[in-house]
Amino acid sequence: MLLTLEKNETITWHLACRAEDVPEDGGACALIEGRQVAVFNFTRRGEWYATDNQCPHRQQMALSRGMIGSQGGEPKVACPFHKKTFSLQSGKCLSDKGYEIATYEVRVEDGLVYVAL
């Protein structure tokens, strides 16, 4: 499915995985168009998120294995190696202003997880 945005940008919904492939309150990595995308099932909040899988701090493909939680009500993921934390909504680093990750829209339909790129 294609969606045209106001700025003449087009996004495409990509099948990332089955919902059952992502652990509750955890993440999994999906390869979409050659890009590693971390998909998170934040069960406690009843929400799904997707971000880059690469932590920009040390360029490690590890965010899908990070711990998710909340900080001041904002959902976040912590890199499993050096504990840099990133907002799952905005991608901004909550523990160091020098870093940021991309975030992507997610939808779940009929047990399948789709990510918009």
PDB file of N, CA and C in Angstrom:
ATOM      1  N   MET A   1       0.848  -1.170   0.000  1.00  0.00           N
ATOM      2  CA  MET A   1       0.000   0.000   0.000  1.00  0.00           C
ATOM      3  C   MET A   1       0.892   1.231   0.000  1.00  0.00           C
ATOM      4  N   LEU A   2       0.594   2.190  -0.870  1.00  0.00           N
ATOM      5  CA  LEU A   2       1.333   3.439  -0.934  1.00  0.00           C
ATOM      6  C   LEU A   2       0.511   4.552  -0.324  1.00  0.00           C
ATOM      7  N   LEU A   3       1.186   5.478   0.300  1.00  0.00           N
ATOM      8  CA  LEU A   3       0.547   6.644   0.886  1.00  0.00           C
ATOM      9  C   LEU A   3       1.366   7.854   0.471  1.00  0.00           C
ATOM     10  N   THR A   4       0.732   8.833  -0.150  1.00  0.00           N
ATOM     11  CA  THR A   4       1.435  10.041  -0.571  1.00  0.00           C
ATOM     12  C   THR A   4       1.255  11.108   0.497  1.00  0.00           C
ATOM     13  N   LEU A   5       2.362  11.688   0.911  1.00  0.00           N
ATOM     14  CA  LEU A   5       2.352  12.721   1.940  1.00  0.00           C
ATOM     15  C   LEU A   5       2.291  14.095   1.287  1.00  0.00           C
ATOM     16  N   GLU A   6       2.023  15.113   2.075  1.00  0.00           N
ATOM     17  CA  GLU A   6       1.881  16.471   1.563  1.00  0.00           C
ATOM     18  C   GLU A   6       3.146  16.994   0.898  1.00  0.00           C
ATOM     19  N   LYS A   7       4.311  16.568   1.340  1.00  0.00           N
ATOM     20  CA  LYS A   7       5.566  17.095   0.818  1.00  0.00           C
ATOM     21  C   LYS A   7       6.031  16.317  -0.416  1.00  0.00           C
ATOM     22  N   ASN A   8       5.099  15.670  -1.113  1.00  0.00           N
ATOM     23  CA  ASN A   8       5.420  14.850  -2.273  1.00  0.00           C
ATOM     24  C   ASN A   8       6.327  13.676  -1.932  1.00  0.00           C
ATOM     25  N   GLU A   9       6.290  13.259  -0.676  1.00  0.00           N
ATOM     26  CA  GLU A   9       7.013  12.067  -0.260  1.00  0.00           C
ATOM     27  C   GLU A   9       6.029  10.908  -0.298  1.00  0.00           C
ATOM     28  N   THR A  10       6.516   9.756  -0.656  1.00  0.00           N
ATOM     29  CA  THR A  10       5.670   8.575  -0.684  1.00  0.00           C
ATOM     30  C   THR A  10       6.221   7.562   0.309  1.00  0.00           C
ATOM     31  N   ILE A  11       5.341   7.013   1.140  1.00  0.00           N
ATOM     32  CA  ILE A  11       5.762   5.939   2.031  1.00  0.00           C
ATOM     33  C   ILE A  11       5.061   4.664   1.599  1.00  0.00           C
ATOM     34  N   THR A  12       5.712   3.556   1.870  1.00  0.00           N
ATOM     35  CA  THR A  12       5.172   2.253   1.533  1.00  0.00           C
ATOM     36  C   THR A  12       5.099   1.418   2.799  1.00  0.00           C
ATOM     37  N   TRP A  13       3.984   0.728   2.981  1.00  0.00           N
ATOM     38  CA  TRP A  13       3.841  -0.192   4.114  1.00  0.00           C
ATOM     39  C   TRP A  13       4.481  -1.516   3.723  1.00  0.00           C
ATOM     40  N   HIS A  14       5.408  -1.995   4.555  1.00  0.00           N
ATOM     41  CA  HIS A  14       6.123  -3.249   4.301  1.00  0.00           C
ATOM     42  C   HIS A  14       5.753  -4.270   5.368  1.00  0.00           C
ATOM     43  N   LEU A  15       5.527  -5.498   4.940  1.00  0.00           N
ATOM     44  CA  LEU A  15       5.318  -6.579   5.896  1.00  0.00           C
ATOM     45  C   LEU A  15       6.641  -6.832   6.611  1.00  0.00           C
ATOM     46  N   ALA A  16       6.641  -6.678   7.930  1.00  0.00           N
ATOM     47  CA  ALA A  16       7.866  -6.862   8.712  1.00  0.00           C
ATOM     48  C   ALA A  16       7.957  -8.275   9.282  1.00  0.00           C
ATOM     49  N   CYS A  17       6.844  -8.760   9.862  1.00  0.00           N
ATOM     50  CA  CYS A  17       6.860 -10.061  10.517  1.00  0.00           C
ATOM     51  C   CYS A  17       5.445 -10.407  10.976  1.00  0.00           C
ATOM     52  N   ARG A  18       5.310 -11.558  11.598  1.00  0.00           N
ATOM     53  CA  ARG A  18       4.052 -11.905  12.254  1.00  0.00           C
ATOM     54  C   ARG A  18       4.102 -11.317  13.666  1.00  0.00           C
ATOM     55  N   ALA A  19       2.972 -10.910  14.176  1.00  0.00           N
ATOM     56  CA  ALA A  19       2.925 -10.338  15.531  1.00  0.00           C
ATOM     57  C   ALA A  19       3.484 -11.320  16.559  1.00  0.00           C
ATOM     58  N   GLU A  20       3.244 -12.584  16.368  1.00  0.00           N
ATOM     59  CA  GLU A  20       3.722 -13.593  17.321  1.00  0.00           C
ATOM     60  C   GLU A  20       5.243 -13.744  17.306  1.00  0.00           C
ATOM     61  N   ASP A  21       5.923 -13.186  16.288  1.00  0.00           N
ATOM     62  CA  ASP A  21       7.381 -13.255  16.213  1.00  0.00           C
ATOM     63  C   ASP A  21       8.069 -12.246  17.126  1.00  0.00           C
ATOM     64  N   VAL A  22       7.311 -11.278  17.631  1.00  0.00           N
ATOM     65  CA  VAL A  22       7.882 -10.237  18.491  1.00  0.00           C
ATOM     66  C   VAL A  22       7.441 -10.537  19.924  1.00  0.00           C
ATOM     67  N   PRO A  23       8.400 -10.725  20.835  1.00  0.00           N
ATOM     68  CA  PRO A  23       8.015 -11.051  22.217  1.00  0.00           C
ATOM     69  C   PRO A  23       7.253  -9.917  22.886  1.00  0.00           C
ATOM     70  N   GLU A  24       6.357 -10.278  23.792  1.00  0.00           N
ATOM     71  CA  GLU A  24       5.641  -9.275  24.571  1.00  0.00           C
ATOM     72  C   GLU A  24       6.640  -8.431  25.340  1.00  0.00           C
ATOM     73  N   ASP A  25       6.426  -7.117  25.339  1.00  0.00           N
ATOM     74  CA  ASP A  25       7.306  -6.164  26.013  1.00  0.00           C
ATOM     75  C   ASP A  25       8.768  -6.350  25.592  1.00  0.00           C
ATOM     76  N   GLY A  26       8.943  -6.603  24.301  1.00  0.00           N
ATOM     77  CA  GLY A  26      10.279  -6.784  23.753  1.00  0.00           C
ATOM     78  C   GLY A  26      10.325  -6.415  22.287  1.00  0.00           C
ATOM     79  N   GLY A  27      11.436  -6.746  21.656  1.00  0.00           N
ATOM     80  CA  GLY A  27      11.622  -6.376  20.265  1.00  0.00           C
ATOM     81  C   GLY A  27      12.181  -7.506  19.419  1.00  0.00           C
ATOM     82  N   ALA A  28      12.157  -7.273  18.115  1.00  0.00           N
ATOM     83  CA  ALA A  28      12.724  -8.188  17.136  1.00  0.00           C
ATOM     84  C   ALA A  28      13.231  -7.343  15.970  1.00  0.00           C
ATOM     85  N   CYS A  29      14.128  -7.913  15.202  1.00  0.00           N
ATOM     86  CA  CYS A  29      14.692  -7.201  14.063  1.00  0.00           C
ATOM     87  C   CYS A  29      14.089  -7.739  12.772  1.00  0.00           C
ATOM     88  N   ALA A  30      13.742  -6.835  11.860  1.00  0.00           N
ATOM     89  CA  ALA A  30      13.237  -7.199  10.537  1.00  0.00           C
ATOM     90  C   ALA A  30      14.110  -6.515   9.491  1.00  0.00           C
ATOM     91  N   LEU A  31      14.407  -7.214   8.422  1.00  0.00           N
ATOM     92  CA  LEU A  31      15.161  -6.634   7.318  1.00  0.00           C
ATOM     93  C   LEU A  31      14.159  -6.162   6.278  1.00  0.00           C
ATOM     94  N   ILE A  32      14.097  -4.843   6.078  1.00  0.00           N
ATOM     95  CA  ILE A  32      13.136  -4.239   5.159  1.00  0.00           C
ATOM     96  C   ILE A  32      13.907  -3.362   4.178  1.00  0.00           C
ATOM     97  N   GLU A  33      13.832  -3.719   2.913  1.00  0.00           N
ATOM     98  CA  GLU A  33      14.515  -2.953   1.864  1.00  0.00           C
ATOM     99  C   GLU A  33      15.990  -2.760   2.194  1.00  0.00           C
ATOM    100  N   GLY A  34      16.635  -3.806   2.703  1.00  0.00           N
ATOM    101  CA  GLY A  34      18.055  -3.746   3.029  1.00  0.00           C
ATOM    102  C   GLY A  34      18.375  -2.999   4.313  1.00  0.00           C
ATOM    103  N   ARG A  35      17.359  -2.588   5.052  1.00  0.00           N
ATOM    104  CA  ARG A  35      17.530  -1.817   6.285  1.00  0.00           C
ATOM    105  C   ARG A  35      17.090  -2.657   7.481  1.00  0.00           C
ATOM    106  N   GLN A  36      17.925  -2.690   8.528  1.00  0.00           N
ATOM    107  CA  GLN A  36      17.530  -3.381   9.756  1.00  0.00           C
ATOM    108  C   GLN A  36      16.621  -2.464  10.563  1.00  0.00           C
ATOM    109  N   VAL A  37      15.401  -2.952  10.820  1.00  0.00           N
ATOM    110  CA  VAL A  37      14.404  -2.189  11.562  1.00  0.00           C
ATOM    111  C   VAL A  37      14.063  -2.958  12.837  1.00  0.00           C
ATOM    112  N   ALA A  38      14.113  -2.270  13.963  1.00  0.00           N
ATOM    113  CA  ALA A  38      13.724  -2.866  15.245  1.00  0.00           C
ATOM    114  C   ALA A  38      12.226  -2.652  15.427  1.00  0.00           C
ATOM    115  N   VAL A  39      11.508  -3.732  15.684  1.00  0.00           N
ATOM    116  CA  VAL A  39      10.057  -3.685  15.891  1.00  0.00           C
ATOM    117  C   VAL A  39       9.791  -4.052  17.346  1.00  0.00           C
ATOM    118  N   PHE A  40       9.017  -3.207  18.034  1.00  0.00           N
ATOM    119  CA  PHE A  40       8.765  -3.405  19.461  1.00  0.00           C
ATOM    120  C   PHE A  40       7.281  -3.603  19.736  1.00  0.00           C
ATOM    121  N   ASN A  41       6.981  -4.609  20.551  1.00  0.00           N
ATOM    122  CA  ASN A  41       5.628  -4.898  21.014  1.00  0.00           C
ATOM    123  C   ASN A  41       5.564  -4.472  22.479  1.00  0.00           C
ATOM    124  N   PHE A  42       5.150  -3.240  22.718  1.00  0.00           N
ATOM    125  CA  PHE A  42       5.091  -2.696  24.076  1.00  0.00           C
ATOM    126  C   PHE A  42       3.740  -3.094  24.659  1.00  0.00           C
ATOM    127  N   THR A  43       3.638  -4.332  25.065  1.00  0.00           N
ATOM    128  CA  THR A  43       2.382  -4.931  25.514  1.00  0.00           C
ATOM    129  C   THR A  43       1.772  -4.176  26.691  1.00  0.00           C
ATOM    130  N   ARG A  44       2.606  -3.751  27.624  1.00  0.00           N
ATOM    131  CA  ARG A  44       2.094  -3.043  28.814  1.00  0.00           C
ATOM    132  C   ARG A  44       1.337  -1.775  28.432  1.00  0.00           C
ATOM    133  N   ARG A  45       1.708  -1.176  27.312  1.00  0.00           N
ATOM    134  CA  ARG A  45       1.038   0.046  26.846  1.00  0.00           C
ATOM    135  C   ARG A  45       0.030  -0.243  25.738  1.00  0.00           C
ATOM    136  N   GLY A  46       0.031  -1.478  25.233  1.00  0.00           N
ATOM    137  CA  GLY A  46      -0.856  -1.820  24.118  1.00  0.00           C
ATOM    138  C   GLY A  46      -0.456  -1.112  22.836  1.00  0.00           C
ATOM    139  N   GLU A  47       0.866  -0.893  22.645  1.00  0.00           N
ATOM    140  CA  GLU A  47       1.364  -0.131  21.501  1.00  0.00           C
ATOM    141  C   GLU A  47       2.508  -0.859  20.800  1.00  0.00           C
ATOM    142  N   TRP A  48       2.673  -0.542  19.525  1.00  0.00           N
ATOM    143  CA  TRP A  48       3.760  -1.071  18.702  1.00  0.00           C
ATOM    144  C   TRP A  48       4.605   0.096  18.208  1.00  0.00           C
ATOM    145  N   TYR A  49       5.915  -0.128  18.095  1.00  0.00           N
ATOM    146  CA  TYR A  49       6.839   0.888  17.618  1.00  0.00           C
ATOM    147  C   TYR A  49       7.854   0.249  16.685  1.00  0.00           C
ATOM    148  N   ALA A  50       8.466   1.074  15.841  1.00  0.00           N
ATOM    149  CA  ALA A  50       9.566   0.622  14.986  1.00  0.00           C
ATOM    150  C   ALA A  50      10.590   1.744  14.893  1.00  0.00           C
ATOM    151  N   THR A  51      11.867   1.364  14.946  1.00  0.00           N
ATOM    152  CA  THR A  51      12.977   2.315  14.870  1.00  0.00           C
ATOM    153  C   THR A  51      14.105   1.690  14.063  1.00  0.00           C
ATOM    154  N   ASP A  52      15.139   2.496  13.803  1.00  0.00           N
ATOM    155  CA  ASP A  52      16.376   1.907  13.303  1.00  0.00           C
ATOM    156  C   ASP A  52      16.829   0.861  14.305  1.00  0.00           C
ATOM    157  N   ASN A  53      17.485  -0.188  13.824  1.00  0.00           N
ATOM    158  CA  ASN A  53      18.053  -1.173  14.736  1.00  0.00           C
ATOM    159  C   ASN A  53      19.448  -0.748  15.184  1.00  0.00           C
ATOM    160  N   GLN A  54      20.078   0.151  14.433  1.00  0.00           N
ATOM    161  CA  GLN A  54      21.441   0.563  14.744  1.00  0.00           C
ATOM    162  C   GLN A  54      21.468   1.655  15.795  1.00  0.00           C
ATOM    163  N   CYS A  55      22.216   1.413  16.863  1.00  0.00           N
ATOM    164  CA  CYS A  55      22.448   2.439  17.870  1.00  0.00           C
ATOM    165  C   CYS A  55      23.531   3.366  17.327  1.00  0.00           C
ATOM    166  N   PRO A  56      23.257   4.658  17.221  1.00  0.00           N
ATOM    167  CA  PRO A  56      24.238   5.567  16.641  1.00  0.00           C
ATOM    168  C   PRO A  56      25.463   5.817  17.525  1.00  0.00           C
ATOM    169  N   HIS A  57      25.399   5.438  18.782  1.00  0.00           N
ATOM    170  CA  HIS A  57      26.507   5.660  19.711  1.00  0.00           C
ATOM    171  C   HIS A  57      27.748   4.884  19.281  1.00  0.00           C
ATOM    172  N   ARG A  58      27.600   3.603  19.004  1.00  0.00           N
ATOM    173  CA  ARG A  58      28.732   2.759  18.593  1.00  0.00           C
ATOM    174  C   ARG A  58      28.455   2.011  17.294  1.00  0.00           C
ATOM    175  N   GLN A  59      27.409   2.412  16.589  1.00  0.00           N
ATOM    176  CA  GLN A  59      27.000   1.818  15.319  1.00  0.00           C
ATOM    177  C   GLN A  59      26.798   0.293  15.419  1.00  0.00           C
ATOM    178  N   GLN A  60      26.235  -0.152  16.526  1.00  0.00           N
ATOM    179  CA  GLN A  60      25.946  -1.567  16.711  1.00  0.00           C
ATOM    180  C   GLN A  60      24.485  -1.840  16.393  1.00  0.00           C
ATOM    181  N   MET A  61      24.227  -2.918  15.650  1.00  0.00           N
ATOM    182  CA  MET A  61      22.864  -3.328  15.308  1.00  0.00           C
ATOM    183  C   MET A  61      22.300  -4.108  16.490  1.00  0.00           C
ATOM    184  N   ALA A  62      21.729  -3.386  17.446  1.00  0.00           N
ATOM    185  CA  ALA A  62      21.360  -4.046  18.693  1.00  0.00           C
ATOM    186  C   ALA A  62      20.090  -3.530  19.350  1.00  0.00           C
ATOM    187  N   LEU A  63      19.487  -2.458  18.860  1.00  0.00           N
ATOM    188  CA  LEU A  63      18.363  -1.873  19.591  1.00  0.00           C
ATOM    189  C   LEU A  63      17.184  -2.819  19.748  1.00  0.00           C
ATOM    190  N   SER A  64      16.980  -3.727  18.794  1.00  0.00           N
ATOM    191  CA  SER A  64      15.855  -4.665  18.909  1.00  0.00           C
ATOM    192  C   SER A  64      15.997  -5.570  20.138  1.00  0.00           C
ATOM    193  N   ARG A  65      17.202  -5.691  20.655  1.00  0.00           N
ATOM    194  CA  ARG A  65      17.453  -6.511  21.844  1.00  0.00           C
ATOM    195  C   ARG A  65      17.500  -5.682  23.117  1.00  0.00           C
ATOM    196  N   GLY A  66      17.203  -4.387  22.995  1.00  0.00           N
ATOM    197  CA  GLY A  66      17.246  -3.502  24.156  1.00  0.00           C
ATOM    198  C   GLY A  66      16.030  -3.646  25.045  1.00  0.00           C
ATOM    199  N   MET A  67      16.146  -3.102  26.238  1.00  0.00           N
ATOM    200  CA  MET A  67      15.049  -3.142  27.200  1.00  0.00           C
ATOM    201  C   MET A  67      14.136  -1.945  26.952  1.00  0.00           C
ATOM    202  N   ILE A  68      12.830  -2.184  26.921  1.00  0.00           N
ATOM    203  CA  ILE A  68      11.887  -1.088  26.739  1.00  0.00           C
ATOM    204  C   ILE A  68      11.241  -0.738  28.073  1.00  0.00           C
ATOM    205  N   GLY A  69      10.833   0.508  28.172  1.00  0.00           N
ATOM    206  CA  GLY A  69      10.201   1.013  29.394  1.00  0.00           C
ATOM    207  C   GLY A  69       9.670   2.402  29.125  1.00  0.00           C
ATOM    208  N   SER A  70       9.475   3.170  30.182  1.00  0.00           N
ATOM    209  CA  SER A  70       8.972   4.536  30.053  1.00  0.00           C
ATOM    210  C   SER A  70       9.807   5.473  30.896  1.00  0.00           C
ATOM    211  N   GLN A  71       9.901   6.706  30.431  1.00  0.00           N
ATOM    212  CA  GLN A  71      10.584   7.761  31.183  1.00  0.00           C
ATOM    213  C   GLN A  71       9.683   8.982  31.128  1.00  0.00           C
ATOM    214  N   GLY A  72       9.131   9.366  32.260  1.00  0.00           N
ATOM    215  CA  GLY A  72       8.208  10.496  32.290  1.00  0.00           C
ATOM    216  C   GLY A  72       6.998  10.260  31.408  1.00  0.00           C
ATOM    217  N   GLY A  73       6.555   9.014  31.301  1.00  0.00           N
ATOM    218  CA  GLY A  73       5.407   8.677  30.473  1.00  0.00           C
ATOM    219  C   GLY A  73       5.732   8.436  29.008  1.00  0.00           C
ATOM    220  N   GLU A  74       6.976   8.696  28.612  1.00  0.00           N
ATOM    221  CA  GLU A  74       7.376   8.512  27.214  1.00  0.00           C
ATOM    222  C   GLU A  74       7.997   7.125  27.030  1.00  0.00           C
ATOM    223  N   PRO A  75       7.515   6.354  26.038  1.00  0.00           N
ATOM    224  CA  PRO A  75       8.083   5.027  25.809  1.00  0.00           C
ATOM    225  C   PRO A  75       9.510   5.142  25.285  1.00  0.00           C
ATOM    226  N   LYS A  76      10.385   4.244  25.762  1.00  0.00           N
ATOM    227  CA  LYS A  76      11.790   4.325  25.379  1.00  0.00           C
ATOM    228  C   LYS A  76      12.388   2.925  25.232  1.00  0.00           C
ATOM    229  N   VAL A  77      13.547   2.882  24.572  1.00  0.00           N
ATOM    230  CA  VAL A  77      14.342   1.666  24.476  1.00  0.00           C
ATOM    231  C   VAL A  77      15.761   2.024  24.896  1.00  0.00           C
ATOM    232  N   ALA A  78      16.404   1.120  25.629  1.00  0.00           N
ATOM    233  CA  ALA A  78      17.799   1.306  26.050  1.00  0.00           C
ATOM    234  C   ALA A  78      18.671   0.334  25.275  1.00  0.00           C
ATOM    235  N   CYS A  79      19.738   0.847  24.675  1.00  0.00           N
ATOM    236  CA  CYS A  79      20.684  -0.011  23.971  1.00  0.00           C
ATOM    237  C   CYS A  79      21.242  -1.033  24.963  1.00  0.00           C
ATOM    238  N   PRO A  80      21.291  -2.309  24.577  1.00  0.00           N
ATOM    239  CA  PRO A  80      21.755  -3.324  25.525  1.00  0.00           C
ATOM    240  C   PRO A  80      23.246  -3.233  25.844  1.00  0.00           C
ATOM    241  N   PHE A  81      24.012  -2.485  25.069  1.00  0.00           N
ATOM    242  CA  PHE A  81      25.457  -2.425  25.310  1.00  0.00           C
ATOM    243  C   PHE A  81      25.878  -1.266  26.198  1.00  0.00           C
ATOM    244  N   HIS A  82      25.496  -0.047  25.853  1.00  0.00           N
ATOM    245  CA  HIS A  82      25.976   1.114  26.588  1.00  0.00           C
ATOM    246  C   HIS A  82      24.856   1.932  27.228  1.00  0.00           C
ATOM    247  N   LYS A  83      23.637   1.408  27.167  1.00  0.00           N
ATOM    248  CA  LYS A  83      22.473   1.962  27.880  1.00  0.00           C
ATOM    249  C   LYS A  83      22.033   3.349  27.433  1.00  0.00           C
ATOM    250  N   LYS A  84      22.422   3.778  26.237  1.00  0.00           N
ATOM    251  CA  LYS A  84      21.848   5.020  25.701  1.00  0.00           C
ATOM    252  C   LYS A  84      20.362   4.758  25.508  1.00  0.00           C
ATOM    253  N   THR A  85      19.507   5.681  25.910  1.00  0.00           N
ATOM    254  CA  THR A  85      18.065   5.478  25.801  1.00  0.00           C
ATOM    255  C   THR A  85      17.485   6.414  24.740  1.00  0.00           C
ATOM    256  N   PHE A  86      16.537   5.868  23.966  1.00  0.00           N
ATOM    257  CA  PHE A  86      15.927   6.599  22.865  1.00  0.00           C
ATOM    258  C   PHE A  86      14.413   6.548  22.979  1.00  0.00           C
ATOM    259  N   SER A  87      13.771   7.672  22.666  1.00  0.00           N
ATOM    260  CA  SER A  87      12.318   7.729  22.633  1.00  0.00           C
ATOM    261  C   SER A  87      11.822   6.857  21.488  1.00  0.00           C
ATOM    262  N   LEU A  88      10.847   6.006  21.764  1.00  0.00           N
ATOM    263  CA  LEU A  88      10.249   5.189  20.711  1.00  0.00           C
ATOM    264  C   LEU A  88       9.290   6.005  19.856  1.00  0.00           C
ATOM    265  N   GLN A  89       8.904   7.193  20.323  1.00  0.00           N
ATOM    266  CA  GLN A  89       8.003   8.059  19.563  1.00  0.00           C
ATOM    267  C   GLN A  89       8.759   9.019  18.653  1.00  0.00           C
ATOM    268  N   SER A  90       9.772   9.670  19.167  1.00  0.00           N
ATOM    269  CA  SER A  90      10.472  10.704  18.390  1.00  0.00           C
ATOM    270  C   SER A  90      11.844  10.279  17.893  1.00  0.00           C
ATOM    271  N   GLY A  91      12.445   9.280  18.527  1.00  0.00           N
ATOM    272  CA  GLY A  91      13.792   8.848  18.174  1.00  0.00           C
ATOM    273  C   GLY A  91      14.893   9.629  18.863  1.00  0.00           C
ATOM    274  N   LYS A  92      14.539  10.672  19.590  1.00  0.00           N
ATOM    275  CA  LYS A  92      15.552  11.477  20.278  1.00  0.00           C
ATOM    276  C   LYS A  92      16.190  10.679  21.413  1.00  0.00           C
ATOM    277  N   CYS A  93      17.486  10.882  21.581  1.00  0.00           N
ATOM    278  CA  CYS A  93      18.197  10.225  22.670  1.00  0.00           C
ATOM    279  C   CYS A  93      17.836  10.939  23.968  1.00  0.00           C
ATOM    280  N   LEU A  94      17.381  10.191  24.942  1.00  0.00           N
ATOM    281  CA  LEU A  94      16.951  10.761  26.221  1.00  0.00           C
ATOM    282  C   LEU A  94      18.097  10.868  27.216  1.00  0.00           C
ATOM    283  N   SER A  95      19.232  10.227  26.899  1.00  0.00           N
ATOM    284  CA  SER A  95      20.353  10.223  27.832  1.00  0.00           C
ATOM    285  C   SER A  95      21.576  10.966  27.300  1.00  0.00           C
ATOM    286  N   ASP A  96      21.519  11.431  26.034  1.00  0.00           N
ATOM    287  CA  ASP A  96      22.647  12.156  25.438  1.00  0.00           C
ATOM    288  C   ASP A  96      22.131  12.892  24.208  1.00  0.00           C
ATOM    289  N   LYS A  97      22.095  14.195  24.261  1.00  0.00           N
ATOM    290  CA  LYS A  97      21.500  14.998  23.183  1.00  0.00           C
ATOM    291  C   LYS A  97      22.206  14.842  21.839  1.00  0.00           C
ATOM    292  N   GLY A  98      23.356  14.195  21.804  1.00  0.00           N
ATOM    293  CA  GLY A  98      24.126  14.086  20.574  1.00  0.00           C
ATOM    294  C   GLY A  98      23.688  12.977  19.633  1.00  0.00           C
ATOM    295  N   TYR A  99      22.666  12.208  19.993  1.00  0.00           N
ATOM    296  CA  TYR A  99      22.268  11.056  19.182  1.00  0.00           C
ATOM    297  C   TYR A  99      20.772  11.076  18.903  1.00  0.00           C
ATOM    298  N   GLU A 100      20.386  10.402  17.823  1.00  0.00           N
ATOM    299  CA  GLU A 100      18.974  10.278  17.453  1.00  0.00           C
ATOM    300  C   GLU A 100      18.833   9.086  16.507  1.00  0.00           C
ATOM    301  N   ILE A 101      17.673   8.438  16.535  1.00  0.00           N
ATOM    302  CA  ILE A 101      17.392   7.336  15.624  1.00  0.00           C
ATOM    303  C   ILE A 101      16.107   7.648  14.853  1.00  0.00           C
ATOM    304  N   ALA A 102      15.963   7.018  13.717  1.00  0.00           N
ATOM    305  CA  ALA A 102      14.726   7.174  12.946  1.00  0.00           C
ATOM    306  C   ALA A 102      13.636   6.312  13.562  1.00  0.00           C
ATOM    307  N   THR A 103      12.407   6.799  13.508  1.00  0.00           N
ATOM    308  CA  THR A 103      11.252   6.017  13.944  1.00  0.00           C
ATOM    309  C   THR A 103      10.317   5.854  12.752  1.00  0.00           C
ATOM    310  N   TYR A 104       9.509   4.793  12.785  1.00  0.00           N
ATOM    311  CA  TYR A 104       8.620   4.472  11.672  1.00  0.00           C
ATOM    312  C   TYR A 104       7.231   4.145  12.201  1.00  0.00           C
ATOM    313  N   GLU A 105       6.226   4.425  11.403  1.00  0.00           N
ATOM    314  CA  GLU A 105       4.860   4.066  11.772  1.00  0.00           C
ATOM    315  C   GLU A 105       4.698   2.551  11.694  1.00  0.00           C
ATOM    316  N   VAL A 106       3.851   2.027  12.574  1.00  0.00           N
ATOM    317  CA  VAL A 106       3.581   0.590  12.624  1.00  0.00           C
ATOM    318  C   VAL A 106       2.084   0.375  12.660  1.00  0.00           C
ATOM    319  N   ARG A 107       1.643  -0.672  12.009  1.00  0.00           N
ATOM    320  CA  ARG A 107       0.258  -1.100  12.157  1.00  0.00           C
ATOM    321  C   ARG A 107       0.248  -2.625  12.175  1.00  0.00           C
ATOM    322  N   VAL A 108      -0.720  -3.167  12.894  1.00  0.00           N
ATOM    323  CA  VAL A 108      -0.873  -4.616  12.995  1.00  0.00           C
ATOM    324  C   VAL A 108      -2.257  -4.963  12.490  1.00  0.00           C
ATOM    325  N   GLU A 109      -2.311  -5.853  11.502  1.00  0.00           N
ATOM    326  CA  GLU A 109      -3.586  -6.290  10.924  1.00  0.00           C
ATOM    327  C   GLU A 109      -3.553  -7.791  10.727  1.00  0.00           C
ATOM    328  N   ASP A 110      -4.577  -8.462  11.206  1.00  0.00           N
ATOM    329  CA  ASP A 110      -4.717  -9.910  11.032  1.00  0.00           C
ATOM    330  C   ASP A 110      -3.461 -10.668  11.461  1.00  0.00           C
ATOM    331  N   GLY A 111      -2.856 -10.217  12.567  1.00  0.00           N
ATOM    332  CA  GLY A 111      -1.694 -10.903  13.106  1.00  0.00           C
ATOM    333  C   GLY A 111      -0.393 -10.621  12.377  1.00  0.00           C
ATOM    334  N   LEU A 112      -0.394  -9.666  11.442  1.00  0.00           N
ATOM    335  CA  LEU A 112       0.816  -9.307  10.699  1.00  0.00           C
ATOM    336  C   LEU A 112       1.218  -7.872  11.046  1.00  0.00           C
ATOM    337  N   VAL A 113       2.519  -7.647  11.155  1.00  0.00           N
ATOM    338  CA  VAL A 113       3.068  -6.342  11.515  1.00  0.00           C
ATOM    339  C   VAL A 113       3.597  -5.673  10.253  1.00  0.00           C
ATOM    340  N   TYR A 114       3.138  -4.446  10.010  1.00  0.00           N
ATOM    341  CA  TYR A 114       3.577  -3.661   8.857  1.00  0.00           C
ATOM    342  C   TYR A 114       4.299  -2.412   9.351  1.00  0.00           C
ATOM    343  N   VAL A 115       5.361  -2.049   8.642  1.00  0.00           N
ATOM    344  CA  VAL A 115       6.133  -0.855   8.969  1.00  0.00           C
ATOM    345  C   VAL A 115       6.145   0.055   7.741  1.00  0.00           C
ATOM    346  N   ALA A 116       5.935   1.349   7.952  1.00  0.00           N
ATOM    347  CA  ALA A 116       5.934   2.328   6.864  1.00  0.00           C
ATOM    348  C   ALA A 116       7.315   2.924   6.703  1.00  0.00           C
ATOM    349  N   LEU A 117       7.857   2.808   5.508  1.00  0.00           N
ATOM    350  CA  LEU A 117       9.152   3.445   5.187  1.00  0.00           C
ATOM    351  C   LEU A 117       8.922   4.406   4.052  1.00  0.00           C
TER     352      LEU A 117
END
